[in-house]
Amino acid sequence: MKKMFWNKTGLMVVSFMALLFWTNLSYSVSAQSEGNAGEADQQALVNSSIQQLNQEATSLYRHALEHNIEEVRNSIMRISERLEHISFEGQTTVEGIHALSETIVEVKQAAVRVKSDDTSLQQASAKLRLAADSLANPSKPLWLQYYKIVKDDLQAISTAVSQHEKAAALSSRYALLEEHYETIRPAAMIRREPYEIAQLDAWLSHTKGLTGAKQPDITQLQSMVSQGEELVNQLFGREKDESAFVPFVQGPNRRAAGLFITSVIVAALSYAGYRKYRAQQQGIFPFRR
């Protein structure tokens, strides 16, 4: 009787422990699921806010082109309010947030002095438009479309240097390059590493000094243009020989696609080796001694 009692008691204890284990496990899974759902909801809210910010920046740019200053100022106010409630954690770097904030301030200042300088408002609103789009569309931001424009600017400087154009012409061509770069700089800052922007900033500063000199150093300018092309390729994510080989899969699935292709090749080679081995065993291929 005593042995049966202890057997029953042991069984009850084991059953209770098992029940407790599965209860804790179920609670943990449930809590993790709820946590994941909460994070997903929070991320969806952030994404929605960023998309609304992008739409407002687009409207502001359109109003600036239409010279509708009242609507420009209303858009600025709405953008400033939205910016206060957006969490940028995981969206961009501190430098990217700072660049976006500076661009908004620049638009505000341009809207105040719009009567004396209407062009600056359009330029500032274009910068904000591209910056907001870069935040909202990380995979295909609009500012990447400036690649050909910037490359053409570099080519124009290179041609001017090779043809020994006067300092005024060189300076003018550089000013156009600088204007285009400044337009995309905040958008690039949001998506690129700070050191990449710093490198190009330093290059521009040095090139500006060379093109603005009374007697430009042709040899040094040619070297700087070549270096500038490499920095621009790096900024836009372009490689010199990228046209020779373009991956058939773009984005985060490229690694998985590469592994899949490698697996197929290995499997094909393994199968071919197996067939050859069977054929040798059956006397189809002569043995080599």
C-alpha atoms as a PDB file:
ATOM      1  CA  MET A   1       0.000   0.000   0.000  1.00  0.00           C
ATOM      2  CA  LYS A   2       2.769   2.406   0.944  1.00  0.00           C
ATOM      3  CA  LYS A   3       4.620   1.657  -2.300  1.00  0.00           C
ATOM      4  CA  MET A   4       1.428   2.235  -4.301  1.00  0.00           C
ATOM      5  CA  PHE A   5       0.863   5.509  -2.440  1.00  0.00           C
ATOM      6  CA  TRP A   6       4.347   6.763  -3.287  1.00  0.00           C
ATOM      7  CA  ASN A   7       3.925   5.667  -6.872  1.00  0.00           C
ATOM      8  CA  LYS A   8       0.695   7.645  -7.139  1.00  0.00           C
ATOM      9  CA  THR A   9       2.249  10.619  -5.366  1.00  0.00           C
ATOM     10  CA  GLY A  10       5.261  10.528  -7.673  1.00  0.00           C
ATOM     11  CA  LEU A  11       2.990  10.313 -10.678  1.00  0.00           C
ATOM     12  CA  MET A  12       1.022  13.321  -9.436  1.00  0.00           C
ATOM     13  CA  VAL A  13       4.208  15.317  -8.840  1.00  0.00           C
ATOM     14  CA  VAL A  14       5.538  14.460 -12.292  1.00  0.00           C
ATOM     15  CA  SER A  15       2.186  15.326 -13.859  1.00  0.00           C
ATOM     16  CA  PHE A  16       2.092  18.620 -11.951  1.00  0.00           C
ATOM     17  CA  MET A  17       5.649  19.484 -13.006  1.00  0.00           C
ATOM     18  CA  ALA A  18       4.847  18.646 -16.623  1.00  0.00           C
ATOM     19  CA  LEU A  19       1.714  20.791 -16.464  1.00  0.00           C
ATOM     20  CA  LEU A  20       3.688  23.640 -14.916  1.00  0.00           C
ATOM     21  CA  PHE A  21       6.386  23.332 -17.608  1.00  0.00           C
ATOM     22  CA  TRP A  22       3.909  23.448 -20.478  1.00  0.00           C
ATOM     23  CA  THR A  23       2.049  26.337 -18.860  1.00  0.00           C
ATOM     24  CA  ASN A  24       5.258  28.353 -18.578  1.00  0.00           C
ATOM     25  CA  LEU A  25       6.232  27.409 -22.106  1.00  0.00           C
ATOM     26  CA  SER A  26       2.836  28.429 -23.479  1.00  0.00           C
ATOM     27  CA  TYR A  27       3.031  31.701 -21.556  1.00  0.00           C
ATOM     28  CA  SER A  28       6.496  32.415 -22.920  1.00  0.00           C
ATOM     29  CA  VAL A  29       5.441  31.683 -26.487  1.00  0.00           C
ATOM     30  CA  SER A  30       2.319  33.784 -26.035  1.00  0.00           C
ATOM     31  CA  ALA A  31       4.293  36.655 -24.531  1.00  0.00           C
ATOM     32  CA  GLN A  32       6.856  36.476 -27.329  1.00  0.00           C
ATOM     33  CA  SER A  33       4.088  36.443 -29.938  1.00  0.00           C
ATOM     34  CA  GLU A  34       2.427  39.427 -28.321  1.00  0.00           C
ATOM     35  CA  GLY A  35       5.785  41.203 -28.151  1.00  0.00           C
ATOM     36  CA  ASN A  36       6.448  40.525 -31.834  1.00  0.00           C
ATOM     37  CA  ALA A  37       2.957  41.689 -32.722  1.00  0.00           C
ATOM     38  CA  GLY A  38       3.495  44.838 -30.680  1.00  0.00           C
ATOM     39  CA  GLU A  39       6.795  45.541 -32.421  1.00  0.00           C
ATOM     40  CA  ALA A  40       5.177  44.941 -35.810  1.00  0.00           C
ATOM     41  CA  ASP A  41       2.358  47.349 -34.962  1.00  0.00           C
ATOM     42  CA  GLN A  42       4.866  49.961 -33.792  1.00  0.00           C
ATOM     43  CA  GLN A  43       6.939  49.556 -36.961  1.00  0.00           C
ATOM     44  CA  ALA A  44       3.815  49.857 -39.110  1.00  0.00           C
ATOM     45  CA  LEU A  45       2.938  53.084 -37.295  1.00  0.00           C
ATOM     46  CA  VAL A  46       6.439  54.487 -37.884  1.00  0.00           C
ATOM     47  CA  ASN A  47       6.331  53.525 -41.562  1.00  0.00           C
ATOM     48  CA  SER A  48       2.938  55.169 -41.949  1.00  0.00           C
ATOM     49  CA  SER A  49       4.219  58.378 -40.330  1.00  0.00           C
ATOM     50  CA  ILE A  50       7.264  58.441 -42.612  1.00  0.00           C
ATOM     51  CA  GLN A  51       5.086  57.944 -45.689  1.00  0.00           C
ATOM     52  CA  GLN A  52       2.860  60.826 -44.577  1.00  0.00           C
ATOM     53  CA  LEU A  53       5.956  62.969 -44.084  1.00  0.00           C
ATOM     54  CA  ASN A  54       7.080  62.096 -47.606  1.00  0.00           C
ATOM     55  CA  GLN A  55       3.678  62.999 -49.053  1.00  0.00           C
ATOM     56  CA  GLU A  56       3.726  66.335 -47.249  1.00  0.00           C
ATOM     57  CA  ALA A  57       7.231  67.088 -48.535  1.00  0.00           C
ATOM     58  CA  THR A  58       6.038  66.308 -52.068  1.00  0.00           C
ATOM     59  CA  SER A  59       3.135  68.729 -51.654  1.00  0.00           C
ATOM     60  CA  LEU A  60       5.484  71.391 -50.278  1.00  0.00           C
ATOM     61  CA  TYR A  61       7.766  71.069 -53.305  1.00  0.00           C
ATOM     62  CA  ARG A  62       4.798  71.405 -55.660  1.00  0.00           C
ATOM     63  CA  HIS A  63       3.568  74.497 -53.797  1.00  0.00           C
ATOM     64  CA  ALA A  64       7.051  76.022 -54.031  1.00  0.00           C
ATOM     65  CA  LEU A  65       7.105  75.545 -57.796  1.00  0.00           C
ATOM     66  CA  GLU A  66       3.658  77.131 -57.993  1.00  0.00           C
ATOM     67  CA  HIS A  67       4.838  80.054 -55.812  1.00  0.00           C
ATOM     68  CA  ASN A  68       2.030  79.311 -53.352  1.00  0.00           C
ATOM     69  CA  ILE A  69       3.850  80.605 -50.298  1.00  0.00           C
ATOM     70  CA  GLU A  70       0.905  80.280 -47.921  1.00  0.00           C
ATOM     71  CA  GLU A  71       0.570  76.563 -48.644  1.00  0.00           C
ATOM     72  CA  VAL A  72       4.354  76.176 -48.404  1.00  0.00           C
ATOM     73  CA  ARG A  73       4.275  77.569 -44.876  1.00  0.00           C
ATOM     74  CA  ASN A  74       1.307  75.364 -43.961  1.00  0.00           C
ATOM     75  CA  SER A  75       3.189  72.310 -45.224  1.00  0.00           C
ATOM     76  CA  ILE A  76       6.274  73.290 -43.233  1.00  0.00           C
ATOM     77  CA  MET A  77       4.153  73.537 -40.096  1.00  0.00           C
ATOM     78  CA  ARG A  78       2.624  70.100 -40.663  1.00  0.00           C
ATOM     79  CA  ILE A  79       6.032  68.558 -41.398  1.00  0.00           C
ATOM     80  CA  SER A  80       7.498  70.028 -38.214  1.00  0.00           C
ATOM     81  CA  GLU A  81       4.604  68.614 -36.195  1.00  0.00           C
ATOM     82  CA  ARG A  82       4.963  65.158 -37.752  1.00  0.00           C
ATOM     83  CA  LEU A  83       8.695  65.150 -37.169  1.00  0.00           C
ATOM     84  CA  GLU A  84       8.163  65.466 -33.404  1.00  0.00           C
ATOM     85  CA  HIS A  85       6.186  62.200 -33.291  1.00  0.00           C
ATOM     86  CA  ILE A  86       8.369  60.011 -35.515  1.00  0.00           C
ATOM     87  CA  SER A  87      10.875  57.580 -34.040  1.00  0.00           C
ATOM     88  CA  PHE A  88      13.908  57.355 -36.319  1.00  0.00           C
ATOM     89  CA  GLU A  89      15.469  54.444 -34.452  1.00  0.00           C
ATOM     90  CA  GLY A  90      16.652  51.941 -37.023  1.00  0.00           C
ATOM     91  CA  GLN A  91      15.607  54.231 -39.890  1.00  0.00           C
ATOM     92  CA  THR A  92      18.778  56.287 -40.318  1.00  0.00           C
ATOM     93  CA  THR A  93      21.862  57.529 -38.485  1.00  0.00           C
ATOM     94  CA  VAL A  94      22.137  60.501 -36.154  1.00  0.00           C
ATOM     95  CA  GLU A  95      23.820  62.370 -39.011  1.00  0.00           C
ATOM     96  CA  GLY A  96      20.873  61.532 -41.256  1.00  0.00           C
ATOM     97  CA  ILE A  97      18.367  62.900 -38.751  1.00  0.00           C
ATOM     98  CA  HIS A  98      20.476  66.038 -38.378  1.00  0.00           C
ATOM     99  CA  ALA A  99      20.615  66.500 -42.167  1.00  0.00           C
ATOM    100  CA  LEU A 100      16.817  66.178 -42.437  1.00  0.00           C
ATOM    101  CA  SER A 101      16.278  68.684 -39.609  1.00  0.00           C
ATOM    102  CA  GLU A 102      18.710  71.157 -41.172  1.00  0.00           C
ATOM    103  CA  THR A 103      16.867  70.918 -44.478  1.00  0.00           C
ATOM    104  CA  ILE A 104      13.537  71.723 -42.809  1.00  0.00           C
ATOM    105  CA  VAL A 105      15.108  74.757 -41.139  1.00  0.00           C
ATOM    106  CA  GLU A 106      16.531  75.819 -44.511  1.00  0.00           C
ATOM    107  CA  VAL A 107      13.054  75.652 -46.091  1.00  0.00           C
ATOM    108  CA  LYS A 108      11.621  77.731 -43.231  1.00  0.00           C
ATOM    109  CA  GLN A 109      14.272  80.407 -43.695  1.00  0.00           C
ATOM    110  CA  ALA A 110      13.811  80.440 -47.470  1.00  0.00           C
ATOM    111  CA  ALA A 111      10.046  80.832 -47.056  1.00  0.00           C
ATOM    112  CA  VAL A 112      10.607  83.942 -44.929  1.00  0.00           C
ATOM    113  CA  ARG A 113      12.812  85.714 -47.498  1.00  0.00           C
ATOM    114  CA  VAL A 114      10.979  84.349 -50.544  1.00  0.00           C
ATOM    115  CA  LYS A 115      10.210  87.822 -51.943  1.00  0.00           C
ATOM    116  CA  SER A 116      13.893  88.603 -52.358  1.00  0.00           C
ATOM    117  CA  ASP A 117      15.084  85.095 -53.253  1.00  0.00           C
ATOM    118  CA  ASP A 118      12.499  82.803 -54.799  1.00  0.00           C
ATOM    119  CA  THR A 119      15.098  80.390 -56.210  1.00  0.00           C
ATOM    120  CA  SER A 120      16.443  79.423 -52.796  1.00  0.00           C
ATOM    121  CA  LEU A 121      12.968  78.254 -51.715  1.00  0.00           C
ATOM    122  CA  GLN A 122      12.667  75.947 -54.707  1.00  0.00           C
ATOM    123  CA  GLN A 123      16.154  74.544 -54.120  1.00  0.00           C
ATOM    124  CA  ALA A 124      15.535  74.015 -50.404  1.00  0.00           C
ATOM    125  CA  SER A 125      12.151  72.370 -51.007  1.00  0.00           C
ATOM    126  CA  ALA A 126      13.760  70.061 -53.605  1.00  0.00           C
ATOM    127  CA  LYS A 127      16.343  69.007 -51.011  1.00  0.00           C
ATOM    128  CA  LEU A 128      13.593  68.297 -48.492  1.00  0.00           C
ATOM    129  CA  ARG A 129      11.586  66.392 -51.084  1.00  0.00           C
ATOM    130  CA  LEU A 130      14.534  64.117 -51.867  1.00  0.00           C
ATOM    131  CA  ALA A 131      15.452  63.691 -48.194  1.00  0.00           C
ATOM    132  CA  ALA A 132      11.917  62.654 -47.205  1.00  0.00           C
ATOM    133  CA  ASP A 133      11.753  60.261 -50.155  1.00  0.00           C
ATOM    134  CA  SER A 134      15.114  58.742 -49.151  1.00  0.00           C
ATOM    135  CA  LEU A 135      13.677  58.059 -45.711  1.00  0.00           C
ATOM    136  CA  ALA A 136      10.441  56.596 -47.086  1.00  0.00           C
ATOM    137  CA  ASN A 137      11.939  54.553 -49.943  1.00  0.00           C
ATOM    138  CA  PRO A 138      15.283  53.119 -48.821  1.00  0.00           C
ATOM    139  CA  SER A 139      15.529  50.599 -51.684  1.00  0.00           C
ATOM    140  CA  LYS A 140      14.915  52.965 -54.617  1.00  0.00           C
ATOM    141  CA  PRO A 141      15.215  56.593 -53.506  1.00  0.00           C
ATOM    142  CA  LEU A 142      14.822  59.349 -56.088  1.00  0.00           C
ATOM    143  CA  TRP A 143      18.200  60.931 -55.371  1.00  0.00           C
ATOM    144  CA  LEU A 144      19.972  58.006 -57.071  1.00  0.00           C
ATOM    145  CA  GLN A 145      18.604  59.344 -60.375  1.00  0.00           C
ATOM    146  CA  TYR A 146      21.098  62.206 -60.036  1.00  0.00           C
ATOM    147  CA  TYR A 147      23.947  59.838 -60.855  1.00  0.00           C
ATOM    148  CA  LYS A 148      24.065  60.735 -64.553  1.00  0.00           C
ATOM    149  CA  ILE A 149      23.692  64.452 -63.787  1.00  0.00           C
ATOM    150  CA  VAL A 150      26.635  64.445 -61.397  1.00  0.00           C
ATOM    151  CA  LYS A 151      28.719  62.311 -63.775  1.00  0.00           C
ATOM    152  CA  ASP A 152      27.977  64.753 -66.588  1.00  0.00           C
ATOM    153  CA  ASP A 153      29.116  67.611 -64.336  1.00  0.00           C
ATOM    154  CA  LEU A 154      32.386  65.790 -63.689  1.00  0.00           C
ATOM    155  CA  GLN A 155      32.831  65.133 -67.412  1.00  0.00           C
ATOM    156  CA  ALA A 156      32.255  68.824 -68.131  1.00  0.00           C
ATOM    157  CA  ILE A 157      35.000  69.762 -65.669  1.00  0.00           C
ATOM    158  CA  SER A 158      37.314  67.135 -67.155  1.00  0.00           C
ATOM    159  CA  THR A 159      36.710  68.491 -70.675  1.00  0.00           C
ATOM    160  CA  ALA A 160      37.290  72.045 -69.517  1.00  0.00           C
ATOM    161  CA  VAL A 161      40.583  71.016 -67.893  1.00  0.00           C
ATOM    162  CA  SER A 162      41.811  69.110 -70.964  1.00  0.00           C
ATOM    163  CA  GLN A 163      40.952  72.054 -73.203  1.00  0.00           C
ATOM    164  CA  HIS A 164      42.716  74.479 -70.853  1.00  0.00           C
ATOM    165  CA  GLU A 165      39.659  76.662 -70.420  1.00  0.00           C
ATOM    166  CA  LYS A 166      39.930  79.855 -68.416  1.00  0.00           C
ATOM    167  CA  ALA A 167      39.548  79.913 -64.651  1.00  0.00           C
ATOM    168  CA  ALA A 168      36.119  81.568 -64.877  1.00  0.00           C
ATOM    169  CA  ALA A 169      34.772  78.714 -67.020  1.00  0.00           C
ATOM    170  CA  LEU A 170      36.234  76.100 -64.685  1.00  0.00           C
ATOM    171  CA  SER A 171      34.745  77.819 -61.659  1.00  0.00           C
ATOM    172  CA  SER A 172      31.355  78.003 -63.361  1.00  0.00           C
ATOM    173  CA  ARG A 173      31.367  74.296 -64.192  1.00  0.00           C
ATOM    174  CA  TYR A 174      32.362  73.428 -60.642  1.00  0.00           C
ATOM    175  CA  ALA A 175      29.531  75.611 -59.251  1.00  0.00           C
ATOM    176  CA  LEU A 176      26.997  73.535 -61.201  1.00  0.00           C
ATOM    177  CA  LEU A 177      28.430  70.307 -59.788  1.00  0.00           C
ATOM    178  CA  GLU A 178      28.331  71.716 -56.258  1.00  0.00           C
ATOM    179  CA  GLU A 179      24.718  72.834 -56.685  1.00  0.00           C
ATOM    180  CA  HIS A 180      23.588  69.389 -57.792  1.00  0.00           C
ATOM    181  CA  TYR A 181      25.521  67.681 -55.010  1.00  0.00           C
ATOM    182  CA  GLU A 182      24.098  69.997 -52.337  1.00  0.00           C
ATOM    183  CA  THR A 183      20.602  69.151 -53.593  1.00  0.00           C
ATOM    184  CA  ILE A 184      21.057  65.427 -52.930  1.00  0.00           C
ATOM    185  CA  ARG A 185      23.392  65.666 -49.941  1.00  0.00           C
ATOM    186  CA  PRO A 186      20.728  65.421 -47.169  1.00  0.00           C
ATOM    187  CA  ALA A 187      19.075  62.470 -48.949  1.00  0.00           C
ATOM    188  CA  ALA A 188      22.442  60.750 -49.349  1.00  0.00           C
ATOM    189  CA  MET A 189      23.306  61.422 -45.711  1.00  0.00           C
ATOM    190  CA  ILE A 190      20.168  59.542 -44.654  1.00  0.00           C
ATOM    191  CA  ARG A 191      21.203  56.364 -46.507  1.00  0.00           C
ATOM    192  CA  ARG A 192      24.995  56.458 -46.675  1.00  0.00           C
ATOM    193  CA  GLU A 193      27.725  56.184 -44.076  1.00  0.00           C
ATOM    194  CA  PRO A 194      28.959  59.533 -42.696  1.00  0.00           C
ATOM    195  CA  TYR A 195      32.532  58.870 -43.836  1.00  0.00           C
ATOM    196  CA  GLU A 196      31.367  58.574 -47.470  1.00  0.00           C
ATOM    197  CA  ILE A 197      29.786  62.024 -47.291  1.00  0.00           C
ATOM    198  CA  ALA A 198      32.829  63.424 -45.473  1.00  0.00           C
ATOM    199  CA  GLN A 199      35.157  62.115 -48.203  1.00  0.00           C
ATOM    200  CA  LEU A 200      33.134  63.750 -50.960  1.00  0.00           C
ATOM    201  CA  ASP A 201      32.796  66.977 -48.975  1.00  0.00           C
ATOM    202  CA  ALA A 202      36.576  67.149 -48.581  1.00  0.00           C
ATOM    203  CA  TRP A 203      37.058  66.408 -52.282  1.00  0.00           C
ATOM    204  CA  LEU A 204      34.651  69.186 -53.262  1.00  0.00           C
ATOM    205  CA  SER A 205      36.344  71.671 -50.947  1.00  0.00           C
ATOM    206  CA  HIS A 206      39.778  70.959 -52.437  1.00  0.00           C
ATOM    207  CA  THR A 207      38.476  70.965 -56.019  1.00  0.00           C
ATOM    208  CA  LYS A 208      36.737  74.279 -55.433  1.00  0.00           C
ATOM    209  CA  GLY A 209      40.055  75.819 -54.440  1.00  0.00           C
ATOM    210  CA  LEU A 210      41.754  74.438 -57.549  1.00  0.00           C
ATOM    211  CA  THR A 211      39.054  75.582 -59.981  1.00  0.00           C
ATOM    212  CA  GLY A 212      38.876  79.009 -58.359  1.00  0.00           C
ATOM    213  CA  ALA A 213      42.601  79.689 -58.645  1.00  0.00           C
ATOM    214  CA  LYS A 214      43.833  82.332 -61.088  1.00  0.00           C
ATOM    215  CA  GLN A 215      46.275  79.806 -62.548  1.00  0.00           C
ATOM    216  CA  PRO A 216      44.627  76.351 -62.224  1.00  0.00           C
ATOM    217  CA  ASP A 217      46.978  73.422 -61.754  1.00  0.00           C
ATOM    218  CA  ILE A 218      45.956  71.254 -64.715  1.00  0.00           C
ATOM    219  CA  THR A 219      47.795  68.116 -63.608  1.00  0.00           C
ATOM    220  CA  GLN A 220      46.354  68.224 -60.121  1.00  0.00           C
ATOM    221  CA  LEU A 221      42.870  68.975 -61.459  1.00  0.00           C
ATOM    222  CA  GLN A 222      43.014  65.949 -63.760  1.00  0.00           C
ATOM    223  CA  SER A 223      43.984  63.777 -60.802  1.00  0.00           C
ATOM    224  CA  MET A 224      41.182  65.253 -58.688  1.00  0.00           C
ATOM    225  CA  VAL A 225      38.567  64.614 -61.388  1.00  0.00           C
ATOM    226  CA  SER A 226      39.632  60.961 -61.550  1.00  0.00           C
ATOM    227  CA  GLN A 227      39.391  60.676 -57.775  1.00  0.00           C
ATOM    228  CA  GLY A 228      36.013  62.417 -57.838  1.00  0.00           C
ATOM    229  CA  GLU A 229      34.626  59.841 -60.263  1.00  0.00           C
ATOM    230  CA  GLU A 230      35.562  57.046 -57.860  1.00  0.00           C
ATOM    231  CA  LEU A 231      33.952  58.846 -54.907  1.00  0.00           C
ATOM    232  CA  VAL A 232      30.765  59.500 -56.880  1.00  0.00           C
ATOM    233  CA  ASN A 233      30.574  55.844 -57.926  1.00  0.00           C
ATOM    234  CA  GLN A 234      30.942  54.880 -54.289  1.00  0.00           C
ATOM    235  CA  LEU A 235      28.259  57.343 -53.173  1.00  0.00           C
ATOM    236  CA  PHE A 236      25.738  56.070 -55.702  1.00  0.00           C
ATOM    237  CA  GLY A 237      26.610  52.425 -55.142  1.00  0.00           C
ATOM    238  CA  ARG A 238      28.057  51.995 -58.619  1.00  0.00           C
ATOM    239  CA  GLU A 239      31.111  49.979 -59.577  1.00  0.00           C
ATOM    240  CA  LYS A 240      33.352  50.606 -62.561  1.00  0.00           C
ATOM    241  CA  ASP A 241      32.643  47.237 -64.191  1.00  0.00           C
ATOM    242  CA  GLU A 242      29.115  46.706 -62.946  1.00  0.00           C
ATOM    243  CA  SER A 243      27.734  46.679 -66.498  1.00  0.00           C
ATOM    244  CA  ALA A 244      29.832  43.580 -67.236  1.00  0.00           C
ATOM    245  CA  PHE A 245      28.015  41.552 -64.612  1.00  0.00           C
ATOM    246  CA  VAL A 246      24.637  42.431 -63.138  1.00  0.00           C
ATOM    247  CA  PRO A 247      23.162  40.044 -60.526  1.00  0.00           C
ATOM    248  CA  PHE A 248      19.853  38.602 -61.702  1.00  0.00           C
ATOM    249  CA  VAL A 249      18.470  39.078 -58.175  1.00  0.00           C
ATOM    250  CA  GLN A 250      18.571  42.424 -56.412  1.00  0.00           C
ATOM    251  CA  GLY A 251      18.002  43.261 -52.761  1.00  0.00           C
ATOM    252  CA  PRO A 252      18.234  41.100 -49.624  1.00  0.00           C
ATOM    253  CA  ASN A 253      17.562  37.852 -51.558  1.00  0.00           C
ATOM    254  CA  ARG A 254      20.824  38.005 -53.515  1.00  0.00           C
ATOM    255  CA  ARG A 255      22.686  35.944 -50.879  1.00  0.00           C
ATOM    256  CA  ALA A 256      19.977  33.282 -50.842  1.00  0.00           C
ATOM    257  CA  ALA A 257      19.986  33.182 -54.645  1.00  0.00           C
ATOM    258  CA  GLY A 258      23.768  32.765 -54.674  1.00  0.00           C
ATOM    259  CA  LEU A 259      23.570  29.878 -52.230  1.00  0.00           C
ATOM    260  CA  PHE A 260      20.821  28.270 -54.303  1.00  0.00           C
ATOM    261  CA  ILE A 261      22.866  28.493 -57.510  1.00  0.00           C
ATOM    262  CA  THR A 262      25.938  27.082 -55.737  1.00  0.00           C
ATOM    263  CA  SER A 263      23.869  24.191 -54.381  1.00  0.00           C
ATOM    264  CA  VAL A 264      22.533  23.392 -57.859  1.00  0.00           C
ATOM    265  CA  ILE A 265      26.045  23.373 -59.328  1.00  0.00           C
ATOM    266  CA  VAL A 266      27.403  21.137 -56.543  1.00  0.00           C
ATOM    267  CA  ALA A 267      24.466  18.758 -56.932  1.00  0.00           C
ATOM    268  CA  ALA A 268      24.968  18.583 -60.707  1.00  0.00           C
ATOM    269  CA  LEU A 269      28.686  17.865 -60.333  1.00  0.00           C
ATOM    270  CA  SER A 270      28.024  15.256 -57.658  1.00  0.00           C
ATOM    271  CA  TYR A 271      25.459  13.532 -59.858  1.00  0.00           C
ATOM    272  CA  ALA A 272      27.824  13.581 -62.841  1.00  0.00           C
ATOM    273  CA  GLY A 273      30.570  12.046 -60.694  1.00  0.00           C
ATOM    274  CA  TYR A 274      28.195   9.365 -59.476  1.00  0.00           C
ATOM    275  CA  ARG A 275      27.132   8.507 -63.048  1.00  0.00           C
ATOM    276  CA  LYS A 276      30.750   8.289 -64.135  1.00  0.00           C
ATOM    277  CA  TYR A 277      31.556   6.003 -61.204  1.00  0.00           C
ATOM    278  CA  ARG A 278      28.647   3.680 -62.069  1.00  0.00           C
ATOM    279  CA  ALA A 279      29.688   3.663 -65.697  1.00  0.00           C
ATOM    280  CA  GLN A 280      33.223   2.676 -64.774  1.00  0.00           C
ATOM    281  CA  GLN A 281      31.896  -0.098 -62.582  1.00  0.00           C
ATOM    282  CA  GLN A 282      29.869  -1.382 -65.530  1.00  0.00           C
ATOM    283  CA  GLY A 283      32.821  -1.218 -67.953  1.00  0.00           C
ATOM    284  CA  ILE A 284      31.510   1.672 -70.056  1.00  0.00           C
ATOM    285  CA  PHE A 285      34.684   3.751 -69.479  1.00  0.00           C
ATOM    286  CA  PRO A 286      38.103   2.143 -69.506  1.00  0.00           C
ATOM    287  CA  PHE A 287      40.010   2.206 -66.236  1.00  0.00           C
ATOM    288  CA  ARG A 288      43.166   4.244 -66.228  1.00  0.00           C
ATOM    289  CA  ARG A 289      46.140   2.577 -64.607  1.00  0.00           C
END
